[in-house]
Amino acid sequence: MVNSNSDALGIIFPNSYDSLVPELVSERLMASIPFAGRYRLVDFILSSMVNCGIDNISIIVRQNYHSLLDHLGSGREWDLTRKNGGLNIVPPFADKAVKVYGGRVEALASILHFLRSQKEKYVVLSDANIAVNFDFKDFVNSHIESGADVTVAYVREELPAGLLKLRPESKVFYYTLNLNQDHVEKIYINPTMSGPQNLSMNIYAMERERLIDEIKTAFVRGHIYFERDILAPQLDKLHVHAYECQSYTARISDMKSYFDENMKLLYDENLDALFSGNPIYTKIRDDNPTRYIPGAIAKNVMAADGCIIEGEVENSILFRGVKVGKGAKIKNCVLMQDTIVEDGASLEYFISDKNVTITAGKVIKGTDTFPVYAAKRQVV
């Protein structure tokens, strides 16, 4: 057993599930979607890796990554500004003969030279569609102790409605595991079974040299997806170990789940479960504390710094710099950074992207099953 994960490097795939929330990724990728008032989804996996001693982390981007670059910068907030290792953002490579990668096999094949040059013995792979305070130290130690070729993290839960609605032509995959104790005997691709399932988190650990060999072989054969094309067909040859994650997880699978997972954090038990223990780091924005102007009413509100509230806010998430005008009523809403709600406006079951302006007197009401969404920089 190792005492830290300094012998592991991390690789994050930030685009894998972009198509699940097309409204939110028109100008960004899944990893940079705002979440929980002041964070982005990537903050949770990235911070979890850093907290467990992984200080060599690559993020392989595919498209719409300018927002992510702006958020991560040099990696200073995560203590990843280093001469050796640190944060490495890999831009997409494509020309007339080579398309931008579609799955993990193609993405990893594009950085094989980088992988060969690294010194760490192990690699951890992760997507960025889940907010979780994940213990990568225990995860890697579990992989080492099991003697497995690959270790996969999973949660025991019912399949999210957003995943069950996927169409075959979407080319988006999720996986459940059939287990014999902690050994993976079968991987189901896009199943529709009811009841609690062993739902993969798409977080994996394996030896770096083994990963290089598997990717080389798969890429030559024209394979694209790590789970579907490498793991599932070789379960009789590979020892695939399952690691159950019992931490609080918030999985984004559609707009409804994005709204619901934000709103769940208004309950103290969920907020404590996600943020207790190791800290979650994010980009610092120097701003004043939230101001509640005399006459303002706030009930069960998560408000980030820089907000100015003059009206009435209830059961809502306010990101940084949100302004609520006099006489405005906000209920069951998620308002992203620098949203302006002018005097007398009324919002219920509403999601605003960044820099949205709701003009004076407007009334917008969605429902708990279908929250209304306003795109970035829109004036309503």
Protein backbone atom coordinates (compact mmCIF):
# COMPACT_ATOMS: atom_id res chain seq x y z
CA MET A 1 0.00 0.00 0.00
CA VAL A 2 1.19 3.52 -0.76
CA ASN A 3 0.71 6.42 1.64
CA SER A 4 0.03 8.96 -1.07
CA ASN A 5 -0.81 8.98 -4.73
CA SER A 6 2.34 10.71 -5.87
CA ASP A 7 2.94 7.59 -7.98
CA ALA A 8 -0.20 8.22 -10.06
CA LEU A 9 -1.02 10.72 -12.79
CA GLY A 10 -4.51 11.91 -13.57
CA ILE A 11 -6.29 12.29 -16.90
CA ILE A 12 -9.66 14.06 -17.16
CA PHE A 13 -12.00 13.95 -20.17
CA PRO A 14 -14.14 17.12 -19.96
CA ASN A 15 -16.28 16.70 -23.11
CA SER A 16 -17.58 13.15 -22.75
CA TYR A 17 -21.20 13.96 -21.91
CA ASP A 18 -21.68 17.36 -23.53
CA SER A 19 -24.63 16.18 -25.61
CA LEU A 20 -26.70 15.48 -22.49
CA VAL A 21 -27.11 19.20 -21.77
CA PRO A 22 -26.92 20.94 -25.18
CA GLU A 23 -28.39 24.15 -23.77
CA LEU A 24 -25.54 24.56 -21.28
CA VAL A 25 -22.66 23.62 -23.60
CA SER A 26 -23.24 25.89 -26.59
CA GLU A 27 -20.25 27.98 -25.47
CA ARG A 28 -18.61 25.69 -22.93
CA LEU A 29 -18.02 22.02 -22.18
CA MET A 30 -19.49 19.79 -19.48
CA ALA A 31 -16.53 20.28 -17.16
CA SER A 32 -16.96 24.06 -17.01
CA ILE A 33 -20.71 24.09 -16.31
CA PRO A 34 -21.32 26.23 -13.18
CA PHE A 35 -22.50 24.29 -10.15
CA ALA A 36 -23.29 24.90 -6.48
CA GLY A 37 -23.05 28.68 -6.47
CA ARG A 38 -19.37 29.29 -7.16
CA TYR A 39 -17.87 26.13 -8.64
CA ARG A 40 -17.52 24.41 -12.00
CA LEU A 41 -18.02 20.64 -12.37
CA VAL A 42 -14.33 20.10 -13.09
CA ASP A 43 -13.43 21.56 -9.69
CA PHE A 44 -14.66 18.46 -7.88
CA ILE A 45 -12.64 15.78 -9.70
CA LEU A 46 -9.61 18.07 -10.04
CA SER A 47 -9.64 19.02 -6.34
CA SER A 48 -10.16 15.38 -5.33
CA MET A 49 -7.06 14.37 -7.28
CA VAL A 50 -4.97 17.18 -5.82
CA ASN A 51 -6.14 16.45 -2.26
CA CYS A 52 -4.96 12.85 -2.65
CA GLY A 53 -1.46 13.71 -3.82
CA ILE A 54 -1.92 13.55 -7.59
CA ASP A 55 0.01 16.57 -8.89
CA ASN A 56 0.46 15.59 -12.55
CA ILE A 57 -2.92 16.04 -14.24
CA SER A 58 -3.79 16.28 -17.94
CA ILE A 59 -7.14 17.47 -19.28
CA ILE A 60 -7.77 16.34 -22.86
CA VAL A 61 -10.22 18.81 -24.39
CA ARG A 62 -12.17 18.35 -27.60
CA GLN A 63 -14.21 21.52 -28.30
CA ASN A 64 -15.68 24.64 -26.66
CA TYR A 65 -12.81 24.71 -24.19
CA HIS A 66 -12.12 28.44 -23.95
CA SER A 67 -14.32 28.75 -20.86
CA LEU A 68 -12.36 25.94 -19.21
CA LEU A 69 -9.04 27.60 -20.05
CA ASP A 70 -10.26 30.85 -18.51
CA HIS A 71 -11.41 29.05 -15.37
CA LEU A 72 -8.34 26.89 -14.79
CA GLY A 73 -5.66 29.32 -15.92
CA SER A 74 -2.26 28.01 -14.84
CA GLY A 75 -3.79 25.87 -12.10
CA ARG A 76 -2.65 28.15 -9.28
CA GLU A 77 -5.80 27.70 -7.16
CA TRP A 78 -5.21 23.92 -7.19
CA ASP A 79 -1.46 24.25 -6.46
CA LEU A 80 -0.68 22.86 -9.92
CA THR A 81 1.69 25.59 -11.11
CA ARG A 82 4.83 23.46 -11.18
CA LYS A 83 8.02 22.98 -13.18
CA ASN A 84 7.46 19.23 -13.31
CA GLY A 85 3.98 17.80 -13.71
CA GLY A 86 1.24 20.19 -12.65
CA LEU A 87 -1.72 21.00 -14.90
CA ASN A 88 -1.47 20.09 -18.57
CA ILE A 89 -4.37 21.05 -20.87
CA VAL A 90 -4.14 19.12 -24.13
CA PRO A 91 -5.85 20.86 -27.08
CA PRO A 92 -7.54 18.80 -29.81
CA PHE A 93 -5.51 17.79 -32.83
CA ALA A 94 -7.14 17.31 -36.21
CA ASP A 95 -6.26 17.72 -39.87
CA LYS A 96 -7.72 16.51 -43.16
CA ALA A 97 -6.74 12.94 -42.42
CA VAL A 98 -7.26 12.86 -38.64
CA LYS A 99 -10.57 13.80 -37.04
CA VAL A 100 -11.00 15.21 -33.55
CA TYR A 101 -11.24 12.29 -31.13
CA GLY A 102 -14.59 10.68 -30.41
CA GLY A 103 -13.81 8.42 -27.43
CA ARG A 104 -11.15 7.74 -24.83
CA VAL A 105 -9.14 5.39 -27.07
CA GLU A 106 -8.64 8.09 -29.71
CA ALA A 107 -7.98 10.74 -27.05
CA LEU A 108 -5.34 8.66 -25.28
CA ALA A 109 -3.78 7.58 -28.57
CA SER A 110 -3.08 11.25 -29.27
CA ILE A 111 -0.94 11.54 -26.10
CA LEU A 112 0.88 8.18 -26.14
CA HIS A 113 4.23 9.94 -26.46
CA PHE A 114 3.40 11.97 -23.36
CA LEU A 115 2.34 8.87 -21.43
CA ARG A 116 5.54 7.05 -22.33
CA SER A 117 7.64 9.95 -21.01
CA GLN A 118 6.00 10.08 -17.57
CA LYS A 119 7.46 8.45 -14.46
CA GLU A 120 4.32 7.55 -12.48
CA LYS A 121 3.44 3.87 -12.26
CA TYR A 122 -0.35 4.32 -12.23
CA VAL A 123 -2.92 6.34 -14.15
CA VAL A 124 -6.38 7.40 -13.01
CA LEU A 125 -8.94 8.31 -15.69
CA SER A 126 -12.11 10.28 -15.08
CA ASP A 127 -14.91 12.17 -16.82
CA ALA A 128 -16.20 15.44 -15.39
CA ASN A 129 -19.98 15.07 -15.31
CA ILE A 130 -20.18 14.19 -11.61
CA ALA A 131 -19.74 16.44 -8.59
CA VAL A 132 -18.18 14.26 -5.89
CA ASN A 133 -15.57 14.57 -3.17
CA PHE A 134 -13.79 11.41 -4.28
CA ASP A 135 -11.06 9.63 -2.30
CA PHE A 136 -8.53 8.83 -5.01
CA LYS A 137 -5.99 7.76 -2.40
CA ASP A 138 -8.21 4.94 -1.17
CA PHE A 139 -9.19 4.17 -4.76
CA VAL A 140 -5.61 3.66 -5.93
CA ASN A 141 -4.69 1.73 -2.80
CA SER A 142 -7.68 -0.55 -3.40
CA HIS A 143 -6.46 -1.13 -6.96
CA ILE A 144 -2.96 -2.03 -5.75
CA GLU A 145 -4.17 -4.35 -2.99
CA SER A 146 -6.54 -6.20 -5.33
CA GLY A 147 -3.79 -6.96 -7.84
CA ALA A 148 -6.27 -6.12 -10.60
CA ASP A 149 -5.45 -5.06 -14.13
CA VAL A 150 -8.12 -2.34 -13.97
CA THR A 151 -10.21 -0.90 -11.15
CA VAL A 152 -13.52 0.87 -11.86
CA ALA A 153 -15.48 3.04 -9.41
CA TYR A 154 -19.24 2.68 -9.23
CA VAL A 155 -22.21 3.86 -7.19
CA ARG A 156 -25.22 1.81 -6.22
CA GLU A 157 -28.27 3.74 -7.41
CA GLU A 158 -31.18 3.71 -9.83
CA LEU A 159 -30.48 4.77 -13.38
CA PRO A 160 -31.06 8.53 -13.87
CA ALA A 161 -34.00 9.48 -16.06
CA GLY A 162 -31.73 11.54 -18.31
CA LEU A 163 -29.69 8.47 -19.22
CA LEU A 164 -32.73 6.32 -19.86
CA LYS A 165 -33.93 8.82 -22.47
CA LEU A 166 -30.78 8.44 -24.60
CA ARG A 167 -31.33 7.48 -28.22
CA PRO A 168 -29.09 4.92 -29.94
CA GLU A 169 -27.86 7.48 -32.48
CA SER A 170 -26.61 9.79 -29.70
CA LYS A 171 -23.37 7.78 -29.35
CA VAL A 172 -23.39 8.48 -25.62
CA PHE A 173 -22.78 5.48 -23.40
CA TYR A 174 -23.25 4.67 -19.74
CA TYR A 175 -22.38 1.39 -18.07
CA THR A 176 -23.59 -0.84 -15.26
CA LEU A 177 -21.63 -3.68 -13.73
CA ASN A 178 -22.57 -7.27 -12.92
CA LEU A 179 -20.42 -8.16 -9.92
CA ASN A 180 -19.22 -11.30 -8.21
CA GLN A 181 -18.21 -9.75 -4.90
CA ASP A 182 -15.72 -7.09 -6.09
CA HIS A 183 -14.96 -8.70 -9.45
CA VAL A 184 -16.62 -7.38 -12.61
CA GLU A 185 -18.11 -10.30 -14.55
CA LYS A 186 -20.10 -8.35 -17.14
CA ILE A 187 -20.47 -4.75 -18.32
CA TYR A 188 -23.89 -3.70 -19.60
CA ILE A 189 -23.97 -0.88 -22.14
CA ASN A 190 -26.90 1.56 -21.90
CA PRO A 191 -29.15 -0.83 -19.95
CA THR A 192 -32.70 0.10 -18.97
CA MET A 193 -33.22 -2.12 -15.94
CA SER A 194 -35.26 -0.78 -13.04
CA GLY A 195 -34.19 -0.74 -9.41
CA PRO A 196 -30.75 0.00 -7.93
CA GLN A 197 -27.87 -0.78 -10.28
CA ASN A 198 -24.07 -0.78 -10.05
CA LEU A 199 -23.68 2.36 -12.15
CA SER A 200 -20.16 3.07 -13.34
CA MET A 201 -18.69 6.50 -12.52
CA ASN A 202 -16.29 6.15 -15.49
CA ILE A 203 -13.38 6.51 -13.05
CA TYR A 204 -10.61 3.97 -13.64
CA ALA A 205 -7.17 3.09 -12.30
CA MET A 206 -4.52 0.96 -14.00
CA GLU A 207 -0.78 0.76 -14.54
CA ARG A 208 0.53 3.29 -17.03
CA GLU A 209 2.43 0.72 -19.10
CA ARG A 210 -0.63 -1.52 -19.29
CA LEU A 211 -2.76 1.42 -20.42
CA ILE A 212 -0.27 2.28 -23.17
CA ASP A 213 -0.31 -1.31 -24.47
CA GLU A 214 -4.11 -1.53 -24.45
CA ILE A 215 -4.53 1.82 -26.22
CA LYS A 216 -1.96 0.98 -28.90
CA THR A 217 -3.68 -2.32 -29.69
CA ALA A 218 -7.19 -0.85 -29.65
CA PHE A 219 -6.30 2.17 -31.78
CA VAL A 220 -4.69 0.02 -34.49
CA ARG A 221 -7.91 -2.01 -34.64
CA GLY A 222 -10.00 1.12 -35.12
CA HIS A 223 -11.60 1.04 -31.68
CA ILE A 224 -12.92 4.22 -30.08
CA TYR A 225 -14.34 3.63 -26.60
CA PHE A 226 -12.34 2.40 -23.61
CA GLU A 227 -15.19 0.61 -21.82
CA ARG A 228 -17.09 -0.75 -24.81
CA ASP A 229 -14.12 -1.73 -26.99
CA ILE A 230 -11.39 -2.63 -24.46
CA LEU A 231 -12.88 -3.67 -21.12
CA ALA A 232 -16.19 -5.33 -22.02
CA PRO A 233 -14.78 -7.80 -24.63
CA GLN A 234 -11.83 -8.79 -22.39
CA LEU A 235 -13.46 -9.48 -19.05
CA ASP A 236 -12.40 -13.13 -19.36
CA LYS A 237 -8.76 -12.02 -19.77
CA LEU A 238 -8.54 -8.93 -17.59
CA HIS A 239 -9.02 -8.82 -13.84
CA VAL A 240 -11.38 -5.84 -13.47
CA HIS A 241 -11.90 -4.86 -9.86
CA ALA A 242 -14.94 -2.86 -8.70
CA TYR A 243 -14.65 -0.09 -6.11
CA GLU A 244 -17.87 1.16 -4.55
CA CYS A 245 -17.98 4.91 -3.96
CA GLN A 246 -20.16 5.73 -0.96
CA SER A 247 -19.58 9.49 -1.09
CA TYR A 248 -22.32 11.93 -2.05
CA THR A 249 -22.53 12.17 -5.84
CA ALA A 250 -24.37 14.60 -8.08
CA ARG A 251 -24.53 13.27 -11.65
CA ILE A 252 -25.59 15.63 -14.46
CA SER A 253 -27.52 13.71 -17.13
CA ASP A 254 -29.93 16.37 -18.47
CA MET A 255 -31.26 19.85 -17.66
CA LYS A 256 -33.73 18.48 -15.12
CA SER A 257 -30.96 16.69 -13.20
CA TYR A 258 -28.81 19.85 -13.33
CA PHE A 259 -31.63 21.79 -11.71
CA ASP A 260 -32.41 19.06 -9.18
CA GLU A 261 -28.81 18.47 -8.12
CA ASN A 262 -28.30 22.18 -7.49
CA MET A 263 -31.53 22.42 -5.50
CA LYS A 264 -30.60 19.39 -3.37
CA LEU A 265 -27.71 21.41 -1.96
CA LEU A 266 -30.19 23.67 -0.18
CA TYR A 267 -30.54 20.80 2.31
CA ASP A 268 -27.78 20.89 4.92
CA GLU A 269 -27.23 17.13 4.92
CA ASN A 270 -26.47 17.11 1.18
CA LEU A 271 -24.30 20.21 1.35
CA ASP A 272 -22.30 18.78 4.24
CA ALA A 273 -21.94 15.42 2.51
CA LEU A 274 -20.48 17.02 -0.63
CA PHE A 275 -18.22 19.62 0.96
CA SER A 276 -17.21 18.13 4.30
CA GLY A 277 -13.78 16.56 4.49
CA ASN A 278 -11.29 17.60 1.83
CA PRO A 279 -11.74 21.13 0.42
CA ILE A 280 -12.98 21.83 -3.11
CA TYR A 281 -10.95 24.55 -4.84
CA THR A 282 -12.12 26.93 -7.52
CA LYS A 283 -11.10 30.09 -9.34
CA ILE A 284 -10.90 33.05 -7.01
CA ARG A 285 -12.97 36.10 -7.82
CA ASP A 286 -12.22 39.02 -5.50
CA ASP A 287 -15.63 40.42 -4.68
CA ASN A 288 -17.59 41.87 -1.78
CA PRO A 289 -19.76 39.67 0.44
CA THR A 290 -23.41 39.39 -0.52
CA ARG A 291 -25.41 42.47 0.47
CA TYR A 292 -28.98 42.26 1.74
CA ILE A 293 -30.53 45.71 1.33
CA PRO A 294 -33.06 46.72 4.04
CA GLY A 295 -36.43 45.24 3.10
CA ALA A 296 -34.94 42.18 1.37
CA ILE A 297 -36.27 38.73 2.28
CA ALA A 298 -34.17 35.59 1.91
CA LYS A 299 -35.35 32.09 2.88
CA ASN A 300 -33.28 28.95 2.31
CA VAL A 301 -30.88 30.57 -0.16
CA MET A 302 -27.35 29.66 -1.23
CA ALA A 303 -25.82 32.97 -2.32
CA ALA A 304 -22.22 33.33 -3.49
CA ASP A 305 -20.14 36.48 -3.03
CA GLY A 306 -20.91 39.69 -4.87
CA CYS A 307 -24.71 39.35 -4.85
CA ILE A 308 -26.99 42.30 -4.12
CA ILE A 309 -30.48 41.39 -2.94
CA GLU A 310 -33.23 43.97 -2.61
CA GLY A 311 -36.25 41.78 -3.34
CA GLU A 312 -37.51 38.41 -2.12
CA VAL A 313 -35.58 35.17 -2.70
CA GLU A 314 -36.68 31.71 -1.57
CA ASN A 315 -35.31 28.18 -2.17
CA SER A 316 -32.79 29.35 -4.77
CA ILE A 317 -29.12 29.14 -5.79
CA LEU A 318 -27.48 32.48 -6.60
CA PHE A 319 -24.06 32.44 -8.22
CA ARG A 320 -21.53 35.24 -7.97
CA GLY A 321 -22.63 38.78 -8.75
CA VAL A 322 -26.38 38.15 -9.06
CA LYS A 323 -28.51 41.26 -8.55
CA VAL A 324 -32.14 41.04 -7.45
CA GLY A 325 -34.04 44.32 -7.75
CA LYS A 326 -36.60 45.88 -5.43
CA GLY A 327 -39.94 44.11 -5.46
CA ALA A 328 -38.56 41.16 -7.47
CA LYS A 329 -39.62 37.66 -6.38
CA ILE A 330 -37.35 34.67 -6.93
CA LYS A 331 -38.50 31.17 -5.96
CA ASN A 332 -37.01 27.76 -6.80
CA CYS A 333 -34.47 29.21 -9.23
CA VAL A 334 -30.84 28.69 -10.24
CA LEU A 335 -29.33 32.01 -11.33
CA MET A 336 -25.79 31.87 -12.70
CA GLN A 337 -23.06 34.47 -12.46
CA ASP A 338 -23.94 38.16 -13.01
CA THR A 339 -27.63 37.54 -13.69
CA ILE A 340 -29.66 40.73 -13.21
CA VAL A 341 -33.30 40.56 -12.14
CA GLU A 342 -34.78 44.04 -12.41
CA ASP A 343 -37.40 45.60 -10.16
CA GLY A 344 -40.75 43.85 -9.92
CA ALA A 345 -39.82 40.75 -11.95
CA SER A 346 -41.11 37.36 -10.79
CA LEU A 347 -39.29 34.08 -11.46
CA GLU A 348 -40.19 30.54 -10.46
CA TYR A 349 -38.55 27.28 -11.52
CA PHE A 350 -36.12 29.17 -13.72
CA ILE A 351 -32.49 28.65 -14.75
CA SER A 352 -30.51 31.60 -16.06
CA ASP A 353 -27.10 31.26 -17.65
CA LYS A 354 -24.37 33.86 -17.11
CA ASN A 355 -25.03 37.57 -17.75
CA VAL A 356 -28.77 37.14 -18.30
CA THR A 357 -30.99 40.18 -17.70
CA ILE A 358 -34.63 39.84 -16.71
CA THR A 359 -36.24 43.21 -17.36
CA ALA A 360 -38.56 44.97 -14.95
CA GLY A 361 -41.99 43.46 -14.37
CA LYS A 362 -41.44 40.23 -16.33
CA VAL A 363 -43.10 37.07 -15.03
CA ILE A 364 -41.47 33.71 -15.90
CA LYS A 365 -42.74 30.46 -14.41
CA GLY A 366 -41.66 26.94 -15.16
CA THR A 367 -42.55 23.80 -13.24
CA ASP A 368 -40.64 21.38 -11.04
CA THR A 369 -40.60 18.90 -13.94
CA PHE A 370 -39.70 21.44 -16.63
CA PRO A 371 -37.70 24.47 -15.42
CA VAL A 372 -37.43 27.33 -17.93
CA TYR A 373 -33.93 28.16 -19.19
CA ALA A 374 -32.50 31.46 -20.49
CA ALA A 375 -29.27 31.28 -22.51
CA LYS A 376 -26.10 33.20 -21.82
CA ARG A 377 -26.29 37.00 -22.27
CA GLN A 378 -29.99 36.86 -23.12
CA VAL A 379 -32.24 39.80 -22.28
CA VAL A 380 -35.79 38.75 -21.40
